[in-house]
C-alpha atoms as a PDB file:
ATOM      1  CA  UNK A   1     -50.284  -8.321  -6.867  1.00  0.00           C
ATOM      2  CA  UNK A   2     -48.759  -7.742  -3.440  1.00  0.00           C
ATOM      3  CA  UNK A   3     -45.203  -8.708  -4.396  1.00  0.00           C
ATOM      4  CA  UNK A   4     -44.952  -6.332  -7.344  1.00  0.00           C
ATOM      5  CA  UNK A   5     -46.561  -3.474  -5.482  1.00  0.00           C
ATOM      6  CA  UNK A   6     -44.187  -3.933  -2.555  1.00  0.00           C
ATOM      7  CA  UNK A   7     -41.135  -4.086  -4.839  1.00  0.00           C
ATOM      8  CA  UNK A   8     -41.736  -0.751  -6.525  1.00  0.00           C
ATOM      9  CA  UNK A   9     -42.672   1.042  -3.330  1.00  0.00           C
ATOM     10  CA  UNK A  10     -39.540  -0.085  -1.466  1.00  0.00           C
ATOM     11  CA  UNK A  11     -37.049  -0.056  -4.361  1.00  0.00           C
ATOM     12  CA  UNK A  12     -35.633   3.392  -3.535  1.00  0.00           C
ATOM     13  CA  UNK A  13     -35.218   2.585   0.130  1.00  0.00           C
ATOM     14  CA  UNK A  14     -33.407  -0.661  -0.643  1.00  0.00           C
ATOM     15  CA  UNK A  15     -31.054   1.087  -3.068  1.00  0.00           C
ATOM     16  CA  UNK A  16     -30.200   3.729  -0.453  1.00  0.00           C
ATOM     17  CA  UNK A  17     -29.520   1.019   2.122  1.00  0.00           C
ATOM     18  CA  UNK A  18     -27.224  -0.799  -0.325  1.00  0.00           C
ATOM     19  CA  UNK A  19     -25.319   2.400  -1.061  1.00  0.00           C
ATOM     20  CA  UNK A  20     -24.920   3.169   2.652  1.00  0.00           C
ATOM     21  CA  UNK A  21     -23.689  -0.375   3.293  1.00  0.00           C
ATOM     22  CA  UNK A  22     -21.187  -0.123   0.419  1.00  0.00           C
ATOM     23  CA  UNK A  23     -19.855   3.234   1.691  1.00  0.00           C
ATOM     24  CA  UNK A  24     -19.601   1.894   5.244  1.00  0.00           C
ATOM     25  CA  UNK A  25     -17.575  -1.112   4.055  1.00  0.00           C
ATOM     26  CA  UNK A  26     -15.240   1.106   2.029  1.00  0.00           C
ATOM     27  CA  UNK A  27     -14.713   3.410   5.014  1.00  0.00           C
ATOM     28  CA  UNK A  28     -13.896   0.429   7.235  1.00  0.00           C
ATOM     29  CA  UNK A  29     -11.387  -0.904   4.677  1.00  0.00           C
ATOM     30  CA  UNK A  30      -9.770   2.516   4.357  1.00  0.00           C
ATOM     31  CA  UNK A  31      -9.470   2.913   8.126  1.00  0.00           C
ATOM     32  CA  UNK A  32      -8.006  -0.573   8.466  1.00  0.00           C
ATOM     33  CA  UNK A  33      -5.479   0.073   5.668  1.00  0.00           C
ATOM     34  CA  UNK A  34      -4.421   3.427   7.174  1.00  0.00           C
ATOM     35  CA  UNK A  35      -3.982   1.840  10.603  1.00  0.00           C
ATOM     36  CA  UNK A  36      -1.830  -0.862   9.081  1.00  0.00           C
ATOM     37  CA  UNK A  37       0.341   1.473   6.969  1.00  0.00           C
ATOM     38  CA  UNK A  38       0.442   4.434   9.291  1.00  0.00           C
ATOM     39  CA  UNK A  39       0.058   8.037   8.226  1.00  0.00           C
ATOM     40  CA  UNK A  40       1.146   8.974   4.720  1.00  0.00           C
ATOM     41  CA  UNK A  41       4.608  10.379   4.438  1.00  0.00           C
ATOM     42  CA  UNK A  42       5.259  13.914   3.275  1.00  0.00           C
ATOM     43  CA  UNK A  43       8.401  12.852   1.375  1.00  0.00           C
ATOM     44  CA  UNK A  44       6.333  11.949  -1.680  1.00  0.00           C
ATOM     45  CA  UNK A  45       5.285  15.545  -2.130  1.00  0.00           C
ATOM     46  CA  UNK A  46       8.844  16.831  -1.906  1.00  0.00           C
ATOM     47  CA  UNK A  47       9.829  14.858  -5.004  1.00  0.00           C
ATOM     48  CA  UNK A  48       7.404  16.794  -7.182  1.00  0.00           C
ATOM     49  CA  UNK A  49       8.950  19.075  -9.758  1.00  0.00           C
ATOM     50  CA  UNK A  50       9.084  22.802  -9.169  1.00  0.00           C
ATOM     51  CA  UNK A  51       6.848  24.444 -11.758  1.00  0.00           C
ATOM     52  CA  UNK A  52       8.770  27.715 -11.694  1.00  0.00           C
ATOM     53  CA  UNK A  53      11.975  26.079 -13.010  1.00  0.00           C
ATOM     54  CA  UNK A  54      12.269  25.072 -16.666  1.00  0.00           C
ATOM     55  CA  UNK A  55      13.063  21.452 -17.478  1.00  0.00           C
ATOM     56  CA  UNK A  56      16.460  21.224 -19.152  1.00  0.00           C
ATOM     57  CA  UNK A  57      18.276  18.385 -20.858  1.00  0.00           C
ATOM     58  CA  UNK A  58      20.847  18.369 -18.056  1.00  0.00           C
ATOM     59  CA  UNK A  59      18.067  17.932 -15.497  1.00  0.00           C
ATOM     60  CA  UNK A  60      16.595  15.000 -17.416  1.00  0.00           C
ATOM     61  CA  UNK A  61      19.897  13.187 -17.985  1.00  0.00           C
ATOM     62  CA  UNK A  62      21.608  13.794 -14.613  1.00  0.00           C
ATOM     63  CA  UNK A  63      20.952  10.731 -12.391  1.00  0.00           C
ATOM     64  CA  UNK A  64      22.070  12.583  -9.232  1.00  0.00           C
ATOM     65  CA  UNK A  65      19.113  14.951  -9.279  1.00  0.00           C
END
């Protein structure tokens, strides 16, 4: 009876520990990846389309833009 009683009483605690461990590992991976790549560049955001301008056929077909 002791094994089953212990399992149910500590199940929530074990799940919280697993979740904390998983989040800690993900944070470590993210920090390692950011250190390796460096800070994200702002150039990616500049390439976004301006929502105030309408999209024309010339804009879509012109390779220079």
